[in-house]
Amino acid sequence: MRYKKIPLKKGDLLIFGMILLLIAATCIFLFSQKAEGQKYCIISQEHDIIKEVPLFKGKKQTITVSGQYQNIIEIDGERVRVLESSCPNQFCVHTGWITDGYQTIACLPNSLLIRIVSGEDTKVDIIS
């Protein structure tokens, strides 16, 4: 038995083209997404986490941390800095903006540590 060839119509080609376009758009969207998770700013003082702030583009926030000295932390989108500090050496202020997980701001006189972590960070370090 022989099969009869049925010619493709314009509508068939249009549907086929739309399906290919949809597949291409989906692939572009999925591969253009960042591989990393949500970033957070972890603020700790004397080994205790006092604040965990999610970082979003366009979100601005100021946090005041008191202790022996006072620190004013500025969060601008996905970057963080110590805007003002009453500590004597001001190293935390001079550190400037941090944006990545390998950067840290420390105010030793106030026992303050500020770091950025990703939501997908693991507890295993490079030495383990």
PDB file of N, CA and C in Angstrom:
ATOM      1  N   MET A   1       0.838  -1.157   0.000  1.00  0.00           N
ATOM      2  CA  MET A   1       0.000   0.000   0.000  1.00  0.00           C
ATOM      3  C   MET A   1       0.899   1.241   0.000  1.00  0.00           C
ATOM      4  N   ARG A   2       0.524   2.143  -0.844  1.00  0.00           N
ATOM      5  CA  ARG A   2       1.277   3.365  -1.008  1.00  0.00           C
ATOM      6  C   ARG A   2       0.554   4.535  -0.359  1.00  0.00           C
ATOM      7  N   TYR A   3       1.344   5.368   0.344  1.00  0.00           N
ATOM      8  CA  TYR A   3       0.752   6.548   0.975  1.00  0.00           C
ATOM      9  C   TYR A   3       0.793   7.714   0.008  1.00  0.00           C
ATOM     10  N   LYS A   4      -0.244   8.487   0.072  1.00  0.00           N
ATOM     11  CA  LYS A   4      -0.356   9.642  -0.794  1.00  0.00           C
ATOM     12  C   LYS A   4       0.214  10.867  -0.058  1.00  0.00           C
ATOM     13  N   LYS A   5       1.108  11.599  -0.692  1.00  0.00           N
ATOM     14  CA  LYS A   5       1.679  12.791  -0.095  1.00  0.00           C
ATOM     15  C   LYS A   5       0.649  13.903  -0.075  1.00  0.00           C
ATOM     16  N   ILE A   6       0.555  14.523   1.111  1.00  0.00           N
ATOM     17  CA  ILE A   6      -0.358  15.657   1.248  1.00  0.00           C
ATOM     18  C   ILE A   6       0.504  16.912   1.324  1.00  0.00           C
ATOM     19  N   PRO A   7       0.297  17.856   0.448  1.00  0.00           N
ATOM     20  CA  PRO A   7       1.125  19.069   0.452  1.00  0.00           C
ATOM     21  C   PRO A   7       0.828  19.930   1.693  1.00  0.00           C
ATOM     22  N   LEU A   8       1.861  20.619   2.159  1.00  0.00           N
ATOM     23  CA  LEU A   8       1.691  21.533   3.292  1.00  0.00           C
ATOM     24  C   LEU A   8       1.013  22.811   2.824  1.00  0.00           C
ATOM     25  N   LYS A   9       0.135  23.312   3.644  1.00  0.00           N
ATOM     26  CA  LYS A   9      -0.567  24.555   3.328  1.00  0.00           C
ATOM     27  C   LYS A   9       0.100  25.702   4.077  1.00  0.00           C
ATOM     28  N   LYS A  10      -0.300  26.921   3.753  1.00  0.00           N
ATOM     29  CA  LYS A  10       0.267  28.101   4.404  1.00  0.00           C
ATOM     30  C   LYS A  10      -0.002  28.084   5.904  1.00  0.00           C
ATOM     31  N   GLY A  11      -1.158  27.679   6.313  1.00  0.00           N
ATOM     32  CA  GLY A  11      -1.509  27.608   7.737  1.00  0.00           C
ATOM     33  C   GLY A  11      -0.630  26.618   8.480  1.00  0.00           C
ATOM     34  N   ASP A  12      -0.311  25.475   7.830  1.00  0.00           N
ATOM     35  CA  ASP A  12       0.565  24.482   8.453  1.00  0.00           C
ATOM     36  C   ASP A  12       1.958  25.061   8.692  1.00  0.00           C
ATOM     37  N   LEU A  13       2.472  25.764   7.677  1.00  0.00           N
ATOM     38  CA  LEU A  13       3.786  26.379   7.813  1.00  0.00           C
ATOM     39  C   LEU A  13       3.798  27.473   8.877  1.00  0.00           C
ATOM     40  N   LEU A  14       2.693  28.226   8.960  1.00  0.00           N
ATOM     41  CA  LEU A  14       2.584  29.280   9.967  1.00  0.00           C
ATOM     42  C   LEU A  14       2.595  28.685  11.383  1.00  0.00           C
ATOM     43  N   ILE A  15       1.856  27.626  11.601  1.00  0.00           N
ATOM     44  CA  ILE A  15       1.830  26.971  12.915  1.00  0.00           C
ATOM     45  C   ILE A  15       3.192  26.386  13.244  1.00  0.00           C
ATOM     46  N   PHE A  16       3.837  25.751  12.281  1.00  0.00           N
ATOM     47  CA  PHE A  16       5.162  25.175  12.477  1.00  0.00           C
ATOM     48  C   PHE A  16       6.170  26.268  12.837  1.00  0.00           C
ATOM     49  N   GLY A  17       6.107  27.405  12.156  1.00  0.00           N
ATOM     50  CA  GLY A  17       6.995  28.525  12.437  1.00  0.00           C
ATOM     51  C   GLY A  17       6.762  29.119  13.820  1.00  0.00           C
ATOM     52  N   MET A  18       5.498  29.214  14.237  1.00  0.00           N
ATOM     53  CA  MET A  18       5.175  29.749  15.566  1.00  0.00           C
ATOM     54  C   MET A  18       5.688  28.820  16.671  1.00  0.00           C
ATOM     55  N   ILE A  19       5.589  27.525  16.449  1.00  0.00           N
ATOM     56  CA  ILE A  19       6.096  26.564  17.435  1.00  0.00           C
ATOM     57  C   ILE A  19       7.612  26.696  17.563  1.00  0.00           C
ATOM     58  N   LEU A  20       8.316  26.815  16.434  1.00  0.00           N
ATOM     59  CA  LEU A  20       9.765  26.989  16.474  1.00  0.00           C
ATOM     60  C   LEU A  20      10.157  28.294  17.167  1.00  0.00           C
ATOM     61  N   LEU A  21       9.408  29.360  16.911  1.00  0.00           N
ATOM     62  CA  LEU A  21       9.666  30.643  17.542  1.00  0.00           C
ATOM     63  C   LEU A  21       9.447  30.567  19.054  1.00  0.00           C
ATOM     64  N   LEU A  22       8.398  29.879  19.474  1.00  0.00           N
ATOM     65  CA  LEU A  22       8.114  29.705  20.898  1.00  0.00           C
ATOM     66  C   LEU A  22       9.219  28.903  21.583  1.00  0.00           C
ATOM     67  N   ILE A  23       9.692  27.859  20.948  1.00  0.00           N
ATOM     68  CA  ILE A  23      10.781  27.049  21.509  1.00  0.00           C
ATOM     69  C   ILE A  23      12.054  27.889  21.630  1.00  0.00           C
ATOM     70  N   ALA A  24      12.376  28.671  20.603  1.00  0.00           N
ATOM     71  CA  ALA A  24      13.575  29.511  20.630  1.00  0.00           C
ATOM     72  C   ALA A  24      13.475  30.571  21.735  1.00  0.00           C
ATOM     73  N   ALA A  25      12.316  31.197  21.884  1.00  0.00           N
ATOM     74  CA  ALA A  25      12.132  32.219  22.913  1.00  0.00           C
ATOM     75  C   ALA A  25      12.264  31.619  24.306  1.00  0.00           C
ATOM     76  N   THR A  26      11.733  30.421  24.502  1.00  0.00           N
ATOM     77  CA  THR A  26      11.836  29.743  25.797  1.00  0.00           C
ATOM     78  C   THR A  26      13.290  29.415  26.120  1.00  0.00           C
ATOM     79  N   CYS A  27      14.034  28.926  25.141  1.00  0.00           N
ATOM     80  CA  CYS A  27      15.450  28.600  25.354  1.00  0.00           C
ATOM     81  C   CYS A  27      16.247  29.854  25.695  1.00  0.00           C
ATOM     82  N   ILE A  28      16.011  30.944  24.988  1.00  0.00           N
ATOM     83  CA  ILE A  28      16.723  32.187  25.257  1.00  0.00           C
ATOM     84  C   ILE A  28      16.412  32.684  26.662  1.00  0.00           C
ATOM     85  N   PHE A  29      15.158  32.623  27.067  1.00  0.00           N
ATOM     86  CA  PHE A  29      14.763  33.070  28.403  1.00  0.00           C
ATOM     87  C   PHE A  29      15.432  32.226  29.479  1.00  0.00           C
ATOM     88  N   LEU A  30      15.409  30.904  29.327  1.00  0.00           N
ATOM     89  CA  LEU A  30      15.967  30.021  30.346  1.00  0.00           C
ATOM     90  C   LEU A  30      17.475  30.153  30.461  1.00  0.00           C
ATOM     91  N   PHE A  31      18.178  30.306  29.350  1.00  0.00           N
ATOM     92  CA  PHE A  31      19.628  30.391  29.398  1.00  0.00           C
ATOM     93  C   PHE A  31      20.135  31.780  29.747  1.00  0.00           C
ATOM     94  N   SER A  32      19.274  32.787  29.660  1.00  0.00           N
ATOM     95  CA  SER A  32      19.708  34.132  30.017  1.00  0.00           C
ATOM     96  C   SER A  32      19.551  34.406  31.502  1.00  0.00           C
ATOM     97  N   GLN A  33      18.890  33.544  32.241  1.00  0.00           N
ATOM     98  CA  GLN A  33      18.721  33.715  33.677  1.00  0.00           C
ATOM     99  C   GLN A  33      20.035  33.460  34.390  1.00  0.00           C
ATOM    100  N   LYS A  34      20.241  34.151  35.510  1.00  0.00           N
ATOM    101  CA  LYS A  34      21.461  33.963  36.284  1.00  0.00           C
ATOM    102  C   LYS A  34      21.445  32.590  36.929  1.00  0.00           C
ATOM    103  N   ALA A  35      22.616  31.982  36.982  1.00  0.00           N
ATOM    104  CA  ALA A  35      22.730  30.666  37.592  1.00  0.00           C
ATOM    105  C   ALA A  35      22.732  30.741  39.105  1.00  0.00           C
ATOM    106  N   GLU A  36      23.068  31.893  39.648  1.00  0.00           N
ATOM    107  CA  GLU A  36      23.145  31.997  41.095  1.00  0.00           C
ATOM    108  C   GLU A  36      21.788  32.343  41.687  1.00  0.00           C
ATOM    109  N   GLY A  37      21.655  32.120  42.974  1.00  0.00           N
ATOM    110  CA  GLY A  37      20.404  32.395  43.661  1.00  0.00           C
ATOM    111  C   GLY A  37      20.339  33.816  44.165  1.00  0.00           C
ATOM    112  N   GLN A  38      19.360  34.081  44.972  1.00  0.00           N
ATOM    113  CA  GLN A  38      19.151  35.396  45.569  1.00  0.00           C
ATOM    114  C   GLN A  38      20.324  35.748  46.479  1.00  0.00           C
ATOM    115  N   LYS A  39      20.765  36.996  46.415  1.00  0.00           N
ATOM    116  CA  LYS A  39      21.843  37.460  47.278  1.00  0.00           C
ATOM    117  C   LYS A  39      21.264  38.069  48.547  1.00  0.00           C
ATOM    118  N   TYR A  40      21.994  37.877  49.645  1.00  0.00           N
ATOM    119  CA  TYR A  40      21.604  38.423  50.940  1.00  0.00           C
ATOM    120  C   TYR A  40      22.791  39.141  51.560  1.00  0.00           C
ATOM    121  N   CYS A  41      22.501  40.174  52.325  1.00  0.00           N
ATOM    122  CA  CYS A  41      23.512  40.850  53.121  1.00  0.00           C
ATOM    123  C   CYS A  41      23.346  40.346  54.548  1.00  0.00           C
ATOM    124  N   ILE A  42      24.418  39.757  55.083  1.00  0.00           N
ATOM    125  CA  ILE A  42      24.395  39.246  56.455  1.00  0.00           C
ATOM    126  C   ILE A  42      25.185  40.218  57.321  1.00  0.00           C
ATOM    127  N   ILE A  43      24.523  40.780  58.331  1.00  0.00           N
ATOM    128  CA  ILE A  43      25.160  41.701  59.267  1.00  0.00           C
ATOM    129  C   ILE A  43      25.245  40.992  60.612  1.00  0.00           C
ATOM    130  N   SER A  44      26.460  40.809  61.097  1.00  0.00           N
ATOM    131  CA  SER A  44      26.621  40.127  62.383  1.00  0.00           C
ATOM    132  C   SER A  44      27.485  40.978  63.302  1.00  0.00           C
ATOM    133  N   GLN A  45      27.198  40.844  64.595  1.00  0.00           N
ATOM    134  CA  GLN A  45      27.936  41.581  65.609  1.00  0.00           C
ATOM    135  C   GLN A  45      28.214  40.629  66.760  1.00  0.00           C
ATOM    136  N   GLU A  46      29.474  40.534  67.136  1.00  0.00           N
ATOM    137  CA  GLU A  46      29.925  39.629  68.191  1.00  0.00           C
ATOM    138  C   GLU A  46      29.432  38.201  67.950  1.00  0.00           C
ATOM    139  N   HIS A  47      29.612  37.702  66.735  1.00  0.00           N
ATOM    140  CA  HIS A  47      29.296  36.332  66.308  1.00  0.00           C
ATOM    141  C   HIS A  47      27.795  36.022  66.255  1.00  0.00           C
ATOM    142  N   ASP A  48      26.934  37.014  66.401  1.00  0.00           N
ATOM    143  CA  ASP A  48      25.485  36.823  66.308  1.00  0.00           C
ATOM    144  C   ASP A  48      24.970  37.563  65.080  1.00  0.00           C
ATOM    145  N   ILE A  49      24.145  36.887  64.278  1.00  0.00           N
ATOM    146  CA  ILE A  49      23.538  37.543  63.112  1.00  0.00           C
ATOM    147  C   ILE A  49      22.432  38.453  63.629  1.00  0.00           C
ATOM    148  N   ILE A  50      22.583  39.748  63.353  1.00  0.00           N
ATOM    149  CA  ILE A  50      21.567  40.691  63.821  1.00  0.00           C
ATOM    150  C   ILE A  50      20.598  41.093  62.712  1.00  0.00           C
ATOM    151  N   LYS A  51      20.995  40.906  61.450  1.00  0.00           N
ATOM    152  CA  LYS A  51      20.104  41.266  60.340  1.00  0.00           C
ATOM    153  C   LYS A  51      20.523  40.488  59.097  1.00  0.00           C
ATOM    154  N   GLU A  52      19.526  39.996  58.375  1.00  0.00           N
ATOM    155  CA  GLU A  52      19.741  39.339  57.087  1.00  0.00           C
ATOM    156  C   GLU A  52      18.809  40.010  56.092  1.00  0.00           C
ATOM    157  N   VAL A  53      19.389  40.718  55.117  1.00  0.00           N
ATOM    158  CA  VAL A  53      18.611  41.549  54.201  1.00  0.00           C
ATOM    159  C   VAL A  53      18.741  41.017  52.778  1.00  0.00           C
ATOM    160  N   PRO A  54      17.617  40.684  52.114  1.00  0.00           N
ATOM    161  CA  PRO A  54      17.704  40.299  50.695  1.00  0.00           C
ATOM    162  C   PRO A  54      18.071  41.517  49.851  1.00  0.00           C
ATOM    163  N   LEU A  55      18.923  41.298  48.849  1.00  0.00           N
ATOM    164  CA  LEU A  55      19.375  42.397  47.990  1.00  0.00           C
ATOM    165  C   LEU A  55      18.629  42.358  46.667  1.00  0.00           C
ATOM    166  N   PHE A  56      17.991  43.467  46.328  1.00  0.00           N
ATOM    167  CA  PHE A  56      17.243  43.602  45.084  1.00  0.00           C
ATOM    168  C   PHE A  56      17.684  44.876  44.389  1.00  0.00           C
ATOM    169  N   LYS A  57      17.738  44.859  43.066  1.00  0.00           N
ATOM    170  CA  LYS A  57      18.055  46.070  42.316  1.00  0.00           C
ATOM    171  C   LYS A  57      16.962  47.101  42.560  1.00  0.00           C
ATOM    172  N   GLY A  58      17.371  48.326  42.775  1.00  0.00           N
ATOM    173  CA  GLY A  58      16.427  49.414  42.972  1.00  0.00           C
ATOM    174  C   GLY A  58      15.966  49.595  44.409  1.00  0.00           C
ATOM    175  N   LYS A  59      16.328  48.687  45.314  1.00  0.00           N
ATOM    176  CA  LYS A  59      15.908  48.791  46.710  1.00  0.00           C
ATOM    177  C   LYS A  59      17.006  49.477  47.510  1.00  0.00           C
ATOM    178  N   LYS A  60      16.658  50.567  48.193  1.00  0.00           N
ATOM    179  CA  LYS A  60      17.611  51.299  49.020  1.00  0.00           C
ATOM    180  C   LYS A  60      17.166  51.208  50.470  1.00  0.00           C
ATOM    181  N   GLN A  61      18.158  51.075  51.359  1.00  0.00           N
ATOM    182  CA  GLN A  61      17.841  50.921  52.773  1.00  0.00           C
ATOM    183  C   GLN A  61      19.030  51.389  53.597  1.00  0.00           C
ATOM    184  N   THR A  62      18.744  51.952  54.767  1.00  0.00           N
ATOM    185  CA  THR A  62      19.785  52.350  55.705  1.00  0.00           C
ATOM    186  C   THR A  62      19.518  51.640  57.025  1.00  0.00           C
ATOM    187  N   ILE A  63      20.572  51.040  57.582  1.00  0.00           N
ATOM    188  CA  ILE A  63      20.451  50.295  58.838  1.00  0.00           C
ATOM    189  C   ILE A  63      21.462  50.872  59.820  1.00  0.00           C
ATOM    190  N   THR A  64      21.032  51.127  61.043  1.00  0.00           N
ATOM    191  CA  THR A  64      21.910  51.625  62.090  1.00  0.00           C
ATOM    192  C   THR A  64      22.198  50.503  63.071  1.00  0.00           C
ATOM    193  N   VAL A  65      23.478  50.271  63.322  1.00  0.00           N
ATOM    194  CA  VAL A  65      23.898  49.235  64.265  1.00  0.00           C
ATOM    195  C   VAL A  65      24.624  49.921  65.407  1.00  0.00           C
ATOM    196  N   SER A  66      24.162  49.669  66.616  1.00  0.00           N
ATOM    197  CA  SER A  66      24.785  50.263  67.796  1.00  0.00           C
ATOM    198  C   SER A  66      25.539  49.201  68.572  1.00  0.00           C
ATOM    199  N   GLY A  67      26.485  49.641  69.309  1.00  0.00           N
ATOM    200  CA  GLY A  67      27.312  48.785  70.153  1.00  0.00           C
ATOM    201  C   GLY A  67      28.211  49.720  70.920  1.00  0.00           C
ATOM    202  N   GLN A  68      29.488  49.376  70.996  1.00  0.00           N
ATOM    203  CA  GLN A  68      30.445  50.292  71.606  1.00  0.00           C
ATOM    204  C   GLN A  68      30.529  51.568  70.763  1.00  0.00           C
ATOM    205  N   TYR A  69      30.390  51.387  69.435  1.00  0.00           N
ATOM    206  CA  TYR A  69      30.339  52.504  68.490  1.00  0.00           C
ATOM    207  C   TYR A  69      29.079  52.344  67.643  1.00  0.00           C
ATOM    208  N   GLN A  70      28.763  53.341  66.855  1.00  0.00           N
ATOM    209  CA  GLN A  70      27.586  53.286  65.997  1.00  0.00           C
ATOM    210  C   GLN A  70      28.012  53.245  64.532  1.00  0.00           C
ATOM    211  N   ASN A  71      27.395  52.320  63.769  1.00  0.00           N
ATOM    212  CA  ASN A  71      27.656  52.207  62.336  1.00  0.00           C
ATOM    213  C   ASN A  71      26.349  52.430  61.588  1.00  0.00           C
ATOM    214  N   ILE A  72      26.414  53.185  60.492  1.00  0.00           N
ATOM    215  CA  ILE A  72      25.270  53.363  59.606  1.00  0.00           C
ATOM    216  C   ILE A  72      25.606  52.649  58.308  1.00  0.00           C
ATOM    217  N   ILE A  73      24.825  51.616  57.990  1.00  0.00           N
ATOM    218  CA  ILE A  73      25.056  50.776  56.822  1.00  0.00           C
ATOM    219  C   ILE A  73      24.076  51.177  55.739  1.00  0.00           C
ATOM    220  N   GLU A  74      24.586  51.397  54.539  1.00  0.00           N
ATOM    221  CA  GLU A  74      23.751  51.763  53.399  1.00  0.00           C
ATOM    222  C   GLU A  74      23.691  50.584  52.424  1.00  0.00           C
ATOM    223  N   ILE A  75      22.473  50.214  52.056  1.00  0.00           N
ATOM    224  CA  ILE A  75      22.247  49.160  51.063  1.00  0.00           C
ATOM    225  C   ILE A  75      21.595  49.815  49.860  1.00  0.00           C
ATOM    226  N   ASP A  76      22.241  49.690  48.704  1.00  0.00           N
ATOM    227  CA  ASP A  76      21.744  50.289  47.469  1.00  0.00           C
ATOM    228  C   ASP A  76      21.716  49.215  46.392  1.00  0.00           C
ATOM    229  N   GLY A  77      20.552  48.626  46.203  1.00  0.00           N
ATOM    230  CA  GLY A  77      20.422  47.561  45.216  1.00  0.00           C
ATOM    231  C   GLY A  77      21.149  46.314  45.663  1.00  0.00           C
ATOM    232  N   GLU A  78      22.170  45.919  44.903  1.00  0.00           N
ATOM    233  CA  GLU A  78      22.925  44.711  45.222  1.00  0.00           C
ATOM    234  C   GLU A  78      24.312  45.034  45.770  1.00  0.00           C
ATOM    235  N   ARG A  79      24.482  46.212  46.342  1.00  0.00           N
ATOM    236  CA  ARG A  79      25.767  46.583  46.926  1.00  0.00           C
ATOM    237  C   ARG A  79      25.551  47.174  48.312  1.00  0.00           C
ATOM    238  N   VAL A  80      26.584  47.067  49.146  1.00  0.00           N
ATOM    239  CA  VAL A  80      26.485  47.449  50.555  1.00  0.00           C
ATOM    240  C   VAL A  80      27.755  48.189  50.962  1.00  0.00           C
ATOM    241  N   ARG A  81      27.607  49.175  51.855  1.00  0.00           N
ATOM    242  CA  ARG A  81      28.770  49.870  52.413  1.00  0.00           C
ATOM    243  C   ARG A  81      28.428  50.408  53.795  1.00  0.00           C
ATOM    244  N   VAL A  82      29.468  50.758  54.559  1.00  0.00           N
ATOM    245  CA  VAL A  82      29.290  51.480  55.823  1.00  0.00           C
ATOM    246  C   VAL A  82      29.390  52.952  55.472  1.00  0.00           C
ATOM    247  N   LEU A  83      28.291  53.649  55.628  1.00  0.00           N
ATOM    248  CA  LEU A  83      28.223  55.060  55.261  1.00  0.00           C
ATOM    249  C   LEU A  83      28.923  55.933  56.298  1.00  0.00           C
ATOM    250  N   GLU A  84      28.629  55.665  57.578  1.00  0.00           N
ATOM    251  CA  GLU A  84      29.238  56.433  58.668  1.00  0.00           C
ATOM    252  C   GLU A  84      29.547  55.498  59.818  1.00  0.00           C
ATOM    253  N   SER A  85      30.565  55.861  60.590  1.00  0.00           N
ATOM    254  CA  SER A  85      30.912  55.094  61.777  1.00  0.00           C
ATOM    255  C   SER A  85      31.527  56.024  62.803  1.00  0.00           C
ATOM    256  N   SER A  86      31.270  55.744  64.067  1.00  0.00           N
ATOM    257  CA  SER A  86      31.864  56.557  65.134  1.00  0.00           C
ATOM    258  C   SER A  86      33.130  55.913  65.691  1.00  0.00           C
ATOM    259  N   CYS A  87      33.598  54.839  65.062  1.00  0.00           N
ATOM    260  CA  CYS A  87      34.827  54.177  65.530  1.00  0.00           C
ATOM    261  C   CYS A  87      36.039  55.044  65.192  1.00  0.00           C
ATOM    262  N   PRO A  88      37.144  54.855  65.914  1.00  0.00           N
ATOM    263  CA  PRO A  88      38.285  55.757  65.725  1.00  0.00           C
ATOM    264  C   PRO A  88      39.039  55.598  64.405  1.00  0.00           C
ATOM    265  N   ASN A  89      39.167  54.376  63.866  1.00  0.00           N
ATOM    266  CA  ASN A  89      40.026  54.214  62.689  1.00  0.00           C
ATOM    267  C   ASN A  89      39.310  54.331  61.342  1.00  0.00           C
ATOM    268  N   GLN A  90      38.017  54.165  61.290  1.00  0.00           N
ATOM    269  CA  GLN A  90      37.200  54.350  60.082  1.00  0.00           C
ATOM    270  C   GLN A  90      37.553  53.415  58.927  1.00  0.00           C
ATOM    271  N   PHE A  91      38.210  52.262  59.209  1.00  0.00           N
ATOM    272  CA  PHE A  91      38.552  51.323  58.144  1.00  0.00           C
ATOM    273  C   PHE A  91      37.296  50.776  57.460  1.00  0.00           C
ATOM    274  N   CYS A  92      36.237  50.590  58.226  1.00  0.00           N
ATOM    275  CA  CYS A  92      34.992  50.058  57.650  1.00  0.00           C
ATOM    276  C   CYS A  92      34.395  51.032  56.643  1.00  0.00           C
ATOM    277  N   VAL A  93      34.506  52.316  56.896  1.00  0.00           N
ATOM    278  CA  VAL A  93      33.984  53.328  55.971  1.00  0.00           C
ATOM    279  C   VAL A  93      34.842  53.376  54.708  1.00  0.00           C
ATOM    280  N   HIS A  94      36.156  53.271  54.886  1.00  0.00           N
ATOM    281  CA  HIS A  94      37.082  53.357  53.753  1.00  0.00           C
ATOM    282  C   HIS A  94      37.071  52.101  52.885  1.00  0.00           C
ATOM    283  N   THR A  95      36.474  51.015  53.359  1.00  0.00           N
ATOM    284  CA  THR A  95      36.372  49.803  52.540  1.00  0.00           C
ATOM    285  C   THR A  95      35.526  50.066  51.302  1.00  0.00           C
ATOM    286  N   GLY A  96      34.503  50.893  51.433  1.00  0.00           N
ATOM    287  CA  GLY A  96      33.655  51.235  50.291  1.00  0.00           C
ATOM    288  C   GLY A  96      32.584  50.188  50.028  1.00  0.00           C
ATOM    289  N   TRP A  97      32.106  50.138  48.792  1.00  0.00           N
ATOM    290  CA  TRP A  97      31.015  49.250  48.402  1.00  0.00           C
ATOM    291  C   TRP A  97      31.513  47.818  48.243  1.00  0.00           C
ATOM    292  N   ILE A  98      30.706  46.854  48.690  1.00  0.00           N
ATOM    293  CA  ILE A  98      30.955  45.448  48.383  1.00  0.00           C
ATOM    294  C   ILE A  98      29.764  44.937  47.578  1.00  0.00           C
ATOM    295  N   THR A  99      30.055  44.027  46.646  1.00  0.00           N
ATOM    296  CA  THR A  99      29.002  43.525  45.764  1.00  0.00           C
ATOM    297  C   THR A  99      29.007  42.006  45.626  1.00  0.00           C
ATOM    298  N   ASP A 100      30.088  41.359  46.030  1.00  0.00           N
ATOM    299  CA  ASP A 100      30.225  39.914  45.816  1.00  0.00           C
ATOM    300  C   ASP A 100      30.470  39.183  47.121  1.00  0.00           C
ATOM    301  N   GLY A 101      30.288  37.873  47.075  1.00  0.00           N
ATOM    302  CA  GLY A 101      30.415  37.033  48.256  1.00  0.00           C
ATOM    303  C   GLY A 101      31.814  36.921  48.807  1.00  0.00           C
ATOM    304  N   TYR A 102      32.832  37.214  48.029  1.00  0.00           N
ATOM    305  CA  TYR A 102      34.198  37.111  48.527  1.00  0.00           C
ATOM    306  C   TYR A 102      34.662  38.393  49.217  1.00  0.00           C
ATOM    307  N   GLN A 103      33.814  39.411  49.252  1.00  0.00           N
ATOM    308  CA  GLN A 103      34.157  40.685  49.879  1.00  0.00           C
ATOM    309  C   GLN A 103      33.495  40.780  51.252  1.00  0.00           C
ATOM    310  N   THR A 104      34.168  41.447  52.178  1.00  0.00           N
ATOM    311  CA  THR A 104      33.665  41.588  53.536  1.00  0.00           C
ATOM    312  C   THR A 104      34.008  42.976  54.047  1.00  0.00           C
ATOM    313  N   ILE A 105      33.129  43.510  54.874  1.00  0.00           N
ATOM    314  CA  ILE A 105      33.414  44.752  55.591  1.00  0.00           C
ATOM    315  C   ILE A 105      33.490  44.390  57.066  1.00  0.00           C
ATOM    316  N   ALA A 106      34.555  44.829  57.725  1.00  0.00           N
ATOM    317  CA  ALA A 106      34.717  44.546  59.152  1.00  0.00           C
ATOM    318  C   ALA A 106      34.976  45.844  59.900  1.00  0.00           C
ATOM    319  N   CYS A 107      34.266  46.011  60.998  1.00  0.00           N
ATOM    320  CA  CYS A 107      34.531  47.102  61.931  1.00  0.00           C
ATOM    321  C   CYS A 107      34.950  46.424  63.235  1.00  0.00           C
ATOM    322  N   LEU A 108      36.249  46.274  63.414  1.00  0.00           N
ATOM    323  CA  LEU A 108      36.761  45.538  64.564  1.00  0.00           C
ATOM    324  C   LEU A 108      36.451  46.202  65.904  1.00  0.00           C
ATOM    325  N   PRO A 109      36.532  47.546  66.023  1.00  0.00           N
ATOM    326  CA  PRO A 109      36.201  48.150  67.316  1.00  0.00           C
ATOM    327  C   PRO A 109      34.749  47.890  67.746  1.00  0.00           C
ATOM    328  N   ASN A 110      33.852  47.728  66.793  1.00  0.00           N
ATOM    329  CA  ASN A 110      32.438  47.496  67.112  1.00  0.00           C
ATOM    330  C   ASN A 110      32.059  46.024  66.951  1.00  0.00           C
ATOM    331  N   SER A 111      33.015  45.159  66.655  1.00  0.00           N
ATOM    332  CA  SER A 111      32.784  43.715  66.441  1.00  0.00           C
ATOM    333  C   SER A 111      31.703  43.473  65.397  1.00  0.00           C
ATOM    334  N   LEU A 112      31.747  44.235  64.304  1.00  0.00           N
ATOM    335  CA  LEU A 112      30.747  44.175  63.252  1.00  0.00           C
ATOM    336  C   LEU A 112      31.337  43.536  62.004  1.00  0.00           C
ATOM    337  N   LEU A 113      30.578  42.634  61.394  1.00  0.00           N
ATOM    338  CA  LEU A 113      31.004  41.970  60.169  1.00  0.00           C
ATOM    339  C   LEU A 113      29.841  42.015  59.183  1.00  0.00           C
ATOM    340  N   ILE A 114      30.104  42.485  57.959  1.00  0.00           N
ATOM    341  CA  ILE A 114      29.087  42.576  56.915  1.00  0.00           C
ATOM    342  C   ILE A 114      29.582  41.775  55.721  1.00  0.00           C
ATOM    343  N   ARG A 115      28.753  40.857  55.245  1.00  0.00           N
ATOM    344  CA  ARG A 115      29.147  40.055  54.087  1.00  0.00           C
ATOM    345  C   ARG A 115      27.937  39.804  53.209  1.00  0.00           C
ATOM    346  N   ILE A 116      28.200  39.437  51.960  1.00  0.00           N
ATOM    347  CA  ILE A 116      27.149  39.112  51.005  1.00  0.00           C
ATOM    348  C   ILE A 116      27.248  37.626  50.701  1.00  0.00           C
ATOM    349  N   VAL A 117      26.104  36.945  50.754  1.00  0.00           N
ATOM    350  CA  VAL A 117      26.062  35.522  50.420  1.00  0.00           C
ATOM    351  C   VAL A 117      24.968  35.295  49.396  1.00  0.00           C
ATOM    352  N   SER A 118      25.123  34.234  48.618  1.00  0.00           N
ATOM    353  CA  SER A 118      24.113  33.832  47.648  1.00  0.00           C
ATOM    354  C   SER A 118      23.208  32.808  48.304  1.00  0.00           C
ATOM    355  N   GLY A 119      21.967  32.724  47.850  1.00  0.00           N
ATOM    356  CA  GLY A 119      21.020  31.760  48.396  1.00  0.00           C
ATOM    357  C   GLY A 119      21.433  30.332  48.156  1.00  0.00           C
ATOM    358  N   GLU A 120      22.344  30.104  47.192  1.00  0.00           N
ATOM    359  CA  GLU A 120      22.782  28.758  46.873  1.00  0.00           C
ATOM    360  C   GLU A 120      24.150  28.438  47.462  1.00  0.00           C
ATOM    361  N   ASP A 121      24.690  29.334  48.305  1.00  0.00           N
ATOM    362  CA  ASP A 121      25.983  29.047  48.925  1.00  0.00           C
ATOM    363  C   ASP A 121      25.863  27.811  49.799  1.00  0.00           C
ATOM    364  N   THR A 122      26.905  27.038  49.821  1.00  0.00           N
ATOM    365  CA  THR A 122      26.909  25.849  50.664  1.00  0.00           C
ATOM    366  C   THR A 122      27.729  26.115  51.907  1.00  0.00           C
ATOM    367  N   LYS A 123      27.626  25.248  52.875  1.00  0.00           N
ATOM    368  CA  LYS A 123      28.373  25.390  54.124  1.00  0.00           C
ATOM    369  C   LYS A 123      29.776  24.810  54.009  1.00  0.00           C
ATOM    370  N   VAL A 124      30.111  24.226  52.875  1.00  0.00           N
ATOM    371  CA  VAL A 124      31.415  23.618  52.680  1.00  0.00           C
ATOM    372  C   VAL A 124      32.369  24.665  52.110  1.00  0.00           C
ATOM    373  N   ASP A 125      33.517  24.841  52.765  1.00  0.00           N
ATOM    374  CA  ASP A 125      34.478  25.791  52.237  1.00  0.00           C
ATOM    375  C   ASP A 125      35.523  25.074  51.390  1.00  0.00           C
ATOM    376  N   ILE A 126      36.482  25.825  50.890  1.00  0.00           N
ATOM    377  CA  ILE A 126      37.464  25.244  49.964  1.00  0.00           C
ATOM    378  C   ILE A 126      38.401  24.266  50.673  1.00  0.00           C
ATOM    379  N   ILE A 127      38.577  24.409  51.974  1.00  0.00           N
ATOM    380  CA  ILE A 127      39.483  23.526  52.712  1.00  0.00           C
ATOM    381  C   ILE A 127      38.835  22.172  52.997  1.00  0.00           C
ATOM    382  N   SER A 128      37.524  22.167  53.168  1.00  0.00           N
ATOM    383  CA  SER A 128      36.836  20.904  53.532  1.00  0.00           C
ATOM    384  C   SER A 128      37.007  19.907  52.482  1.00  0.00           C
TER     385      SER A 128
END
